Amino acid sequence: MVRIAALLFSLVGSLALLGSAAVAQPNTGFYSVTLANEVTDAKQVVRGTLFSCNGATCAAAEGTSRPAIVCASVARELGPVTSFRAGNEMLDGEALAKCNAKADTTKLVRR
């Protein structure tokens, strides 16, 4: 009986630790960005936010700035943006045009 109780106790403890590990994982999907051109580095820091990139697609956890500011910062640092999502909000054509007005096309040559 003691063995069964010890086994159940260790099983419950393991499941509790496993559940807390899943909660501790960072959320990297709040911002989703598609760039006009691929980036070579998989990790990009833009305005203090770490973006994980794969080709021309980047994602990051939520930051403290408004989505339009984050988009403009991404465009300035990584080049023109073709789509930008912050949470459930997609930037429309007019907002993307304002975002891309900040794009620095000279950085495309350096990356």
C-alpha atoms as a PDB file:
ATOM      1  CA  MET A   1       0.000   0.000   0.000  1.00  0.00           C
ATOM      2  CA  VAL A   2       2.842   2.373   0.845  1.00  0.00           C
ATOM      3  CA  ARG A   3       4.480   1.649  -2.519  1.00  0.00           C
ATOM      4  CA  ILE A   4       1.279   2.473  -4.401  1.00  0.00           C
ATOM      5  CA  ALA A   5       0.869   5.733  -2.462  1.00  0.00           C
ATOM      6  CA  ALA A   6       4.499   6.676  -3.167  1.00  0.00           C
ATOM      7  CA  LEU A   7       4.060   5.858  -6.856  1.00  0.00           C
ATOM      8  CA  LEU A   8       0.882   7.936  -7.090  1.00  0.00           C
ATOM      9  CA  PHE A   9       2.549  10.808  -5.228  1.00  0.00           C
ATOM     10  CA  SER A  10       5.536  10.812  -7.608  1.00  0.00           C
ATOM     11  CA  LEU A  11       3.242  10.557 -10.648  1.00  0.00           C
ATOM     12  CA  VAL A  12       1.148  13.535  -9.485  1.00  0.00           C
ATOM     13  CA  GLY A  13       4.322  15.519  -8.749  1.00  0.00           C
ATOM     14  CA  SER A  14       5.724  14.756 -12.196  1.00  0.00           C
ATOM     15  CA  LEU A  15       2.505  15.820 -13.895  1.00  0.00           C
ATOM     16  CA  ALA A  16       2.450  19.066 -11.900  1.00  0.00           C
ATOM     17  CA  LEU A  17       6.021  19.864 -12.967  1.00  0.00           C
ATOM     18  CA  LEU A  18       5.249  18.990 -16.566  1.00  0.00           C
ATOM     19  CA  GLY A  19       2.235  21.317 -16.564  1.00  0.00           C
ATOM     20  CA  SER A  20       4.234  24.214 -15.105  1.00  0.00           C
ATOM     21  CA  ALA A  21       6.970  23.759 -17.714  1.00  0.00           C
ATOM     22  CA  ALA A  22       4.414  24.249 -20.467  1.00  0.00           C
ATOM     23  CA  VAL A  23       3.247  27.483 -18.862  1.00  0.00           C
ATOM     24  CA  ALA A  24       6.820  28.769 -18.593  1.00  0.00           C
ATOM     25  CA  GLN A  25       7.409  28.564 -22.345  1.00  0.00           C
ATOM     26  CA  PRO A  26       7.575  31.996 -24.018  1.00  0.00           C
ATOM     27  CA  ASN A  27       4.782  33.041 -26.338  1.00  0.00           C
ATOM     28  CA  THR A  28       6.404  33.829 -29.666  1.00  0.00           C
ATOM     29  CA  GLY A  29       3.257  34.125 -31.725  1.00  0.00           C
ATOM     30  CA  PHE A  30       1.662  37.473 -30.837  1.00  0.00           C
ATOM     31  CA  TYR A  31       3.352  39.320 -33.685  1.00  0.00           C
ATOM     32  CA  SER A  32       3.475  37.596 -37.055  1.00  0.00           C
ATOM     33  CA  VAL A  33       5.307  39.402 -39.839  1.00  0.00           C
ATOM     34  CA  THR A  34       5.915  38.530 -43.468  1.00  0.00           C
ATOM     35  CA  LEU A  35       8.712  40.510 -45.075  1.00  0.00           C
ATOM     36  CA  ALA A  36       9.196  41.312 -48.749  1.00  0.00           C
ATOM     37  CA  ASN A  37      12.675  39.741 -48.560  1.00  0.00           C
ATOM     38  CA  GLU A  38      14.174  36.925 -46.532  1.00  0.00           C
ATOM     39  CA  VAL A  39      16.486  37.644 -43.604  1.00  0.00           C
ATOM     40  CA  THR A  40      19.637  35.616 -43.091  1.00  0.00           C
ATOM     41  CA  ASP A  41      19.709  35.625 -39.265  1.00  0.00           C
ATOM     42  CA  ALA A  42      17.100  33.480 -37.519  1.00  0.00           C
ATOM     43  CA  LYS A  43      17.034  35.795 -34.482  1.00  0.00           C
ATOM     44  CA  GLN A  44      16.419  39.523 -34.862  1.00  0.00           C
ATOM     45  CA  VAL A  45      16.019  42.074 -32.074  1.00  0.00           C
ATOM     46  CA  VAL A  46      13.760  44.953 -33.039  1.00  0.00           C
ATOM     47  CA  ARG A  47      12.903  47.655 -30.511  1.00  0.00           C
ATOM     48  CA  GLY A  48      13.842  45.345 -27.644  1.00  0.00           C
ATOM     49  CA  THR A  49      11.665  42.489 -28.915  1.00  0.00           C
ATOM     50  CA  LEU A  50      13.220  39.217 -30.071  1.00  0.00           C
ATOM     51  CA  PHE A  51      11.819  38.041 -33.401  1.00  0.00           C
ATOM     52  CA  SER A  52      12.392  34.464 -34.527  1.00  0.00           C
ATOM     53  CA  CYS A  53      12.609  34.375 -38.308  1.00  0.00           C
ATOM     54  CA  ASN A  54      12.495  31.657 -40.910  1.00  0.00           C
ATOM     55  CA  GLY A  55      13.127  33.070 -44.358  1.00  0.00           C
ATOM     56  CA  ALA A  56      10.771  36.015 -44.777  1.00  0.00           C
ATOM     57  CA  THR A  57       8.447  35.083 -41.884  1.00  0.00           C
ATOM     58  CA  CYS A  58       9.091  36.336 -38.344  1.00  0.00           C
ATOM     59  CA  ALA A  59       7.225  35.947 -35.056  1.00  0.00           C
ATOM     60  CA  ALA A  60       7.602  37.434 -31.598  1.00  0.00           C
ATOM     61  CA  ALA A  61       5.959  37.670 -28.212  1.00  0.00           C
ATOM     62  CA  GLU A  62       3.888  40.715 -27.356  1.00  0.00           C
ATOM     63  CA  GLY A  63       5.797  43.916 -26.660  1.00  0.00           C
ATOM     64  CA  THR A  64       4.780  47.155 -24.996  1.00  0.00           C
ATOM     65  CA  SER A  65       4.447  49.354 -28.093  1.00  0.00           C
ATOM     66  CA  ARG A  66       1.418  49.829 -30.333  1.00  0.00           C
ATOM     67  CA  PRO A  67       1.297  47.446 -33.334  1.00  0.00           C
ATOM     68  CA  ALA A  68       1.816  50.301 -35.824  1.00  0.00           C
ATOM     69  CA  ILE A  69       5.030  51.308 -34.048  1.00  0.00           C
ATOM     70  CA  VAL A  70       6.295  47.727 -33.934  1.00  0.00           C
ATOM     71  CA  CYS A  71       5.520  47.318 -37.649  1.00  0.00           C
ATOM     72  CA  ALA A  72       7.356  50.549 -38.520  1.00  0.00           C
ATOM     73  CA  SER A  73      10.332  49.433 -36.425  1.00  0.00           C
ATOM     74  CA  VAL A  74      10.404  46.050 -38.169  1.00  0.00           C
ATOM     75  CA  ALA A  75      10.246  47.780 -41.564  1.00  0.00           C
ATOM     76  CA  ARG A  76      13.044  50.144 -40.531  1.00  0.00           C
ATOM     77  CA  GLU A  77      15.279  47.302 -39.310  1.00  0.00           C
ATOM     78  CA  LEU A  78      14.409  44.377 -41.588  1.00  0.00           C
ATOM     79  CA  GLY A  79      12.888  45.931 -44.718  1.00  0.00           C
ATOM     80  CA  PRO A  80       9.424  46.214 -46.278  1.00  0.00           C
ATOM     81  CA  VAL A  81       6.578  44.302 -44.632  1.00  0.00           C
ATOM     82  CA  THR A  82       3.955  42.524 -46.768  1.00  0.00           C
ATOM     83  CA  SER A  83       1.719  41.455 -43.841  1.00  0.00           C
ATOM     84  CA  PHE A  84       1.647  42.210 -40.131  1.00  0.00           C
ATOM     85  CA  ARG A  85      -0.524  40.641 -37.430  1.00  0.00           C
ATOM     86  CA  ALA A  86      -0.610  41.615 -33.757  1.00  0.00           C
ATOM     87  CA  GLY A  87      -2.766  39.180 -31.823  1.00  0.00           C
ATOM     88  CA  ASN A  88      -6.001  38.928 -33.802  1.00  0.00           C
ATOM     89  CA  GLU A  89      -5.502  42.269 -35.566  1.00  0.00           C
ATOM     90  CA  MET A  90      -4.159  42.369 -39.128  1.00  0.00           C
ATOM     91  CA  LEU A  91      -2.891  45.683 -40.460  1.00  0.00           C
ATOM     92  CA  ASP A  92      -4.800  46.737 -43.588  1.00  0.00           C
ATOM     93  CA  GLY A  93      -3.325  48.194 -46.787  1.00  0.00           C
ATOM     94  CA  GLU A  94      -3.272  51.796 -45.558  1.00  0.00           C
ATOM     95  CA  ALA A  95      -1.646  50.854 -42.259  1.00  0.00           C
ATOM     96  CA  LEU A  96       0.935  48.711 -44.090  1.00  0.00           C
ATOM     97  CA  ALA A  97       1.725  51.625 -46.401  1.00  0.00           C
ATOM     98  CA  LYS A  98       2.411  53.833 -43.357  1.00  0.00           C
ATOM     99  CA  CYS A  99       4.452  51.026 -41.830  1.00  0.00           C
ATOM    100  CA  ASN A 100       6.548  50.602 -44.964  1.00  0.00           C
ATOM    101  CA  ALA A 101       7.142  54.342 -45.270  1.00  0.00           C
ATOM    102  CA  LYS A 102       9.677  53.746 -42.473  1.00  0.00           C
ATOM    103  CA  ALA A 103      11.465  50.916 -44.314  1.00  0.00           C
ATOM    104  CA  ASP A 104      15.178  51.381 -44.809  1.00  0.00           C
ATOM    105  CA  THR A 105      15.968  49.717 -48.125  1.00  0.00           C
ATOM    106  CA  THR A 106      19.706  50.294 -47.646  1.00  0.00           C
ATOM    107  CA  LYS A 107      19.679  47.664 -44.881  1.00  0.00           C
ATOM    108  CA  LEU A 108      18.559  45.037 -47.376  1.00  0.00           C
ATOM    109  CA  VAL A 109      22.012  45.074 -48.936  1.00  0.00           C
ATOM    110  CA  ARG A 110      23.721  44.633 -45.561  1.00  0.00           C
ATOM    111  CA  ARG A 111      21.646  41.664 -44.330  1.00  0.00           C
END
